[in-house]
Amino acid sequence: MTPHQVSDFRLGAKVESSDGKHVGSLHRLVVGQETWDLKEIIVEETQRFSGRLFAPGSGLMVADVIVPVSAVVSVTPDLVQLSASSTDVRQMAPYLSYAYASAQPGDTLRVISAQVGLAGYWPYSETARKGADELEIREGENVMHGRTGRRLGRVRDVLYDDRELVGVVIHPDGWWQHDVVLQVRFLDRSDDLALFANLSDQDIENMPPHSPETAEQ
């Protein structure tokens, strides 16, 4: 049984990492359907934390990140404090709302959302993620689809928040006209010829519309 209950959390509360970084705001809660025990929280990252602030005019793959409830240290109506550092949070899995199927009887998980009517489940998977310090990224480097080897675009810029890698700006080949921020959690590996991104076909097809907004939220 988790020490934190659904009733402890207020959607929209500020979420802060262990090193004092403003990660974002509480967007959704994931609970067990049968027990209603809290499993995960979904955090909408700020423009700064996601890297969007450092690349004005660029689109963003996804702004929501899945944080396990075990990483929550304390909760007040206005603040969720994490045990995870900002570096650790940036390696956590993204929340892709289009990957959720409608909840059916017997589903293990349900999603409580700030958006009325959205419900679904997230299939757990244990995936090893390489540390950001093991990636070599250069301007102009090819960005390849890790599974198929198809080229997605080229690196335009590398984004840092202080000295911490946030992601890269890529100029896509064909599937979007505007530069896109590819956050560090999507970066899989690199070699002498290219940087490989861990993206599904759905990730590419569901690129968000371009928005010029760059102010931190």
Protein backbone atom coordinates (compact mmCIF):
# COMPACT_ATOMS: atom_id res chain seq x y z
CA MET A 1 0.00 0.00 0.00
CA THR A 2 1.46 3.37 -1.00
CA PRO A 3 1.69 5.97 1.79
CA HIS A 4 0.22 8.52 -0.62
CA GLN A 5 -3.47 8.40 -1.47
CA VAL A 6 -5.31 9.86 -4.44
CA SER A 7 -7.04 12.31 -2.11
CA ASP A 8 -3.65 13.77 -1.09
CA PHE A 9 -3.03 15.21 -4.54
CA ARG A 10 -4.45 18.29 -6.19
CA LEU A 11 -4.30 18.51 -9.98
CA GLY A 12 -2.29 21.55 -11.02
CA ALA A 13 0.03 21.44 -7.99
CA LYS A 14 3.67 22.38 -8.58
CA VAL A 15 6.07 19.42 -8.90
CA GLU A 16 9.68 19.90 -7.80
CA SER A 17 12.74 17.64 -8.14
CA SER A 18 15.08 16.75 -5.28
CA ASP A 19 17.60 19.33 -6.50
CA GLY A 20 15.04 22.12 -6.40
CA LYS A 21 14.12 22.30 -10.10
CA HIS A 22 10.55 23.20 -11.06
CA VAL A 23 9.63 20.14 -13.12
CA GLY A 24 6.05 21.09 -13.93
CA SER A 25 2.50 20.68 -12.65
CA LEU A 26 0.48 17.62 -11.67
CA HIS A 27 -1.64 16.71 -14.69
CA ARG A 28 -3.05 13.22 -14.11
CA LEU A 29 -3.05 10.35 -11.61
CA VAL A 30 -2.81 6.65 -12.50
CA VAL A 31 -4.49 4.26 -10.05
CA GLY A 32 -5.31 0.56 -9.79
CA GLN A 33 -8.84 -0.09 -10.98
CA GLU A 34 -9.68 -2.65 -8.32
CA THR A 35 -7.88 -1.16 -5.32
CA TRP A 36 -7.63 2.49 -6.41
CA ASP A 37 -4.10 2.48 -5.04
CA LEU A 38 -2.01 5.22 -6.61
CA LYS A 39 0.54 3.84 -9.10
CA GLU A 40 1.97 6.82 -10.98
CA ILE A 41 1.58 10.55 -11.37
CA ILE A 42 1.66 12.30 -14.73
CA VAL A 43 3.50 15.62 -14.71
CA GLU A 44 3.20 18.29 -17.39
CA GLU A 45 6.68 19.77 -17.72
CA THR A 46 7.31 23.51 -17.82
CA GLN A 47 8.58 25.12 -21.00
CA ARG A 48 12.01 25.43 -19.39
CA PHE A 49 12.26 21.89 -18.03
CA SER A 50 11.09 20.32 -21.31
CA GLY A 51 13.62 22.38 -23.30
CA ARG A 52 11.04 24.30 -25.31
CA LEU A 53 12.10 27.62 -23.77
CA PHE A 54 15.61 27.20 -25.19
CA ALA A 55 14.35 26.63 -28.75
CA PRO A 56 11.79 29.38 -29.54
CA GLY A 57 9.34 28.40 -32.26
CA SER A 58 10.13 24.69 -32.09
CA GLY A 59 7.46 22.07 -31.57
CA LEU A 60 7.60 19.52 -28.76
CA MET A 61 7.17 15.75 -28.90
CA VAL A 62 5.35 15.48 -25.59
CA ALA A 63 5.20 17.61 -22.45
CA ASP A 64 3.98 14.95 -19.98
CA VAL A 65 6.24 12.55 -18.08
CA ILE A 66 5.35 9.45 -16.01
CA VAL A 67 6.67 9.61 -12.44
CA PRO A 68 6.33 6.50 -10.22
CA VAL A 69 4.61 7.20 -6.92
CA SER A 70 7.66 5.73 -5.17
CA ALA A 71 9.53 8.88 -6.26
CA VAL A 72 7.11 11.13 -4.34
CA VAL A 73 8.55 12.26 -0.99
CA SER A 74 5.87 14.65 0.22
CA VAL A 75 2.58 16.16 -0.92
CA THR A 76 0.75 19.36 -0.03
CA PRO A 77 -2.15 20.95 -1.89
CA ASP A 78 0.33 23.23 -3.67
CA LEU A 79 3.52 21.15 -3.98
CA VAL A 80 4.59 17.61 -4.87
CA GLN A 81 8.19 17.00 -3.79
CA LEU A 82 10.13 14.25 -5.58
CA SER A 83 13.08 12.15 -4.42
CA ALA A 84 14.31 12.05 -8.02
CA SER A 85 16.78 14.62 -9.33
CA SER A 86 16.06 16.66 -12.45
CA THR A 87 18.46 14.40 -14.36
CA ASP A 88 16.53 11.30 -13.26
CA VAL A 89 13.16 12.85 -14.16
CA ARG A 90 14.41 13.67 -17.65
CA GLN A 91 15.13 9.96 -18.13
CA MET A 92 11.63 8.88 -17.07
CA ALA A 93 9.19 7.60 -19.67
CA PRO A 94 6.97 10.06 -21.56
CA TYR A 95 3.20 9.93 -21.23
CA LEU A 96 1.67 9.55 -24.69
CA SER A 97 -2.07 10.06 -24.41
CA TYR A 98 -2.75 8.68 -27.88
CA ALA A 99 -1.20 5.36 -26.83
CA TYR A 100 -3.93 4.76 -24.24
CA ALA A 101 -6.84 2.51 -25.13
CA SER A 102 -10.31 2.99 -23.71
CA ALA A 103 -10.67 1.33 -20.32
CA GLN A 104 -12.50 -1.99 -20.35
CA PRO A 105 -13.78 -4.18 -17.49
CA GLY A 106 -10.82 -6.05 -16.02
CA ASP A 107 -8.22 -3.47 -16.97
CA THR A 108 -5.53 -3.20 -14.32
CA LEU A 109 -5.10 0.56 -14.43
CA ARG A 110 -7.25 3.59 -14.96
CA VAL A 111 -6.24 7.19 -15.46
CA ILE A 112 -7.73 10.07 -13.49
CA SER A 113 -7.34 13.11 -15.69
CA ALA A 114 -7.76 16.84 -15.57
CA GLN A 115 -9.51 16.38 -18.91
CA VAL A 116 -13.00 15.10 -18.24
CA GLY A 117 -13.79 11.78 -19.89
CA LEU A 118 -10.23 10.63 -20.55
CA ALA A 119 -9.63 7.15 -19.16
CA GLY A 120 -7.28 4.38 -20.17
CA TYR A 121 -4.45 2.11 -19.17
CA TRP A 122 -0.69 2.12 -19.55
CA PRO A 123 1.09 -1.20 -20.21
CA TYR A 124 4.11 -1.36 -17.90
CA SER A 125 7.45 -2.20 -19.49
CA GLU A 126 10.91 -2.30 -18.01
CA THR A 127 13.21 -0.64 -20.55
CA ALA A 128 16.86 0.11 -19.90
CA ARG A 129 17.67 3.72 -20.72
CA LYS A 130 21.20 4.82 -21.45
CA GLY A 131 22.51 7.76 -19.45
CA ALA A 132 22.76 11.16 -21.13
CA ASP A 133 26.52 11.24 -20.54
CA GLU A 134 26.93 8.25 -22.86
CA LEU A 135 25.54 10.07 -25.89
CA GLU A 136 27.71 11.93 -28.38
CA ILE A 137 25.73 14.67 -30.12
CA ARG A 138 27.02 17.05 -32.77
CA GLU A 139 25.38 19.85 -34.73
CA GLY A 140 24.36 18.63 -38.19
CA GLU A 141 24.42 14.99 -37.09
CA ASN A 142 21.86 12.65 -38.64
CA VAL A 143 18.98 11.62 -36.36
CA MET A 144 17.81 8.11 -37.19
CA HIS A 145 14.74 6.06 -36.25
CA GLY A 146 16.27 3.49 -33.89
CA ARG A 147 14.09 0.57 -35.01
CA THR A 148 14.06 1.05 -38.80
CA GLY A 149 17.20 3.09 -39.41
CA ARG A 150 15.18 5.67 -41.37
CA ARG A 151 16.58 9.18 -41.16
CA LEU A 152 14.29 11.58 -39.29
CA GLY A 153 16.31 14.75 -39.70
CA ARG A 154 19.45 16.55 -38.58
CA VAL A 155 20.52 18.08 -35.28
CA ARG A 156 20.14 21.87 -35.29
CA ASP A 157 21.12 22.57 -31.70
CA VAL A 158 21.85 20.91 -28.36
CA LEU A 159 19.84 22.22 -25.38
CA TYR A 160 21.18 22.57 -21.84
CA ASP A 161 19.58 23.83 -18.64
CA ASP A 162 22.64 25.13 -16.80
CA ARG A 163 25.03 22.19 -17.47
CA GLU A 164 22.36 19.50 -17.78
CA LEU A 165 21.40 18.05 -21.16
CA VAL A 166 17.70 18.66 -21.87
CA GLY A 167 17.43 17.48 -25.47
CA VAL A 168 18.24 18.38 -29.06
CA VAL A 169 16.56 20.52 -31.69
CA ILE A 170 16.14 18.66 -34.96
CA HIS A 171 15.00 19.79 -38.37
CA PRO A 172 12.80 16.91 -39.55
CA ASP A 173 12.86 15.26 -42.96
CA GLY A 174 9.42 15.53 -44.51
CA TRP A 175 7.12 14.80 -41.59
CA TRP A 176 7.09 18.39 -40.25
CA GLN A 177 8.16 21.77 -41.52
CA HIS A 178 9.27 23.26 -38.22
CA ASP A 179 12.15 22.46 -35.91
CA VAL A 180 11.22 20.06 -33.12
CA VAL A 181 12.60 19.61 -29.60
CA LEU A 182 13.49 15.95 -29.06
CA GLN A 183 13.83 15.52 -25.30
CA VAL A 184 16.65 13.46 -23.81
CA ARG A 185 14.28 10.61 -22.85
CA PHE A 186 13.76 9.90 -26.57
CA LEU A 187 17.51 9.65 -27.30
CA ASP A 188 18.61 6.03 -27.41
CA ARG A 189 22.21 5.74 -28.55
CA SER A 190 24.80 7.25 -30.88
CA ASP A 191 27.66 6.09 -33.04
CA ASP A 192 30.19 7.76 -35.32
CA LEU A 193 27.57 8.39 -38.00
CA ALA A 194 24.26 9.18 -36.32
CA LEU A 195 22.13 9.76 -33.24
CA PHE A 196 19.34 7.20 -32.78
CA ALA A 197 15.92 8.11 -31.39
CA ASN A 198 13.61 5.69 -29.60
CA LEU A 199 10.35 6.60 -31.37
CA SER A 200 7.40 4.58 -32.58
CA ASP A 201 5.58 5.24 -35.84
CA GLN A 202 2.73 6.66 -33.74
CA ASP A 203 5.12 9.10 -32.10
CA ILE A 204 6.02 10.48 -35.50
CA GLU A 205 2.44 10.53 -36.80
CA ASN A 206 1.17 12.36 -33.72
CA MET A 207 3.53 15.31 -33.79
CA PRO A 208 1.78 18.28 -32.15
CA PRO A 209 0.84 21.40 -34.15
CA HIS A 210 3.39 24.20 -34.20
CA SER A 211 2.92 26.88 -31.53
CA PRO A 212 5.02 30.04 -31.17
CA GLU A 213 4.41 30.23 -27.42
CA THR A 214 7.70 30.11 -25.54
CA ALA A 215 6.97 31.59 -22.14
CA GLU A 216 7.55 29.31 -19.15
CA GLN A 217 4.33 27.91 -17.74
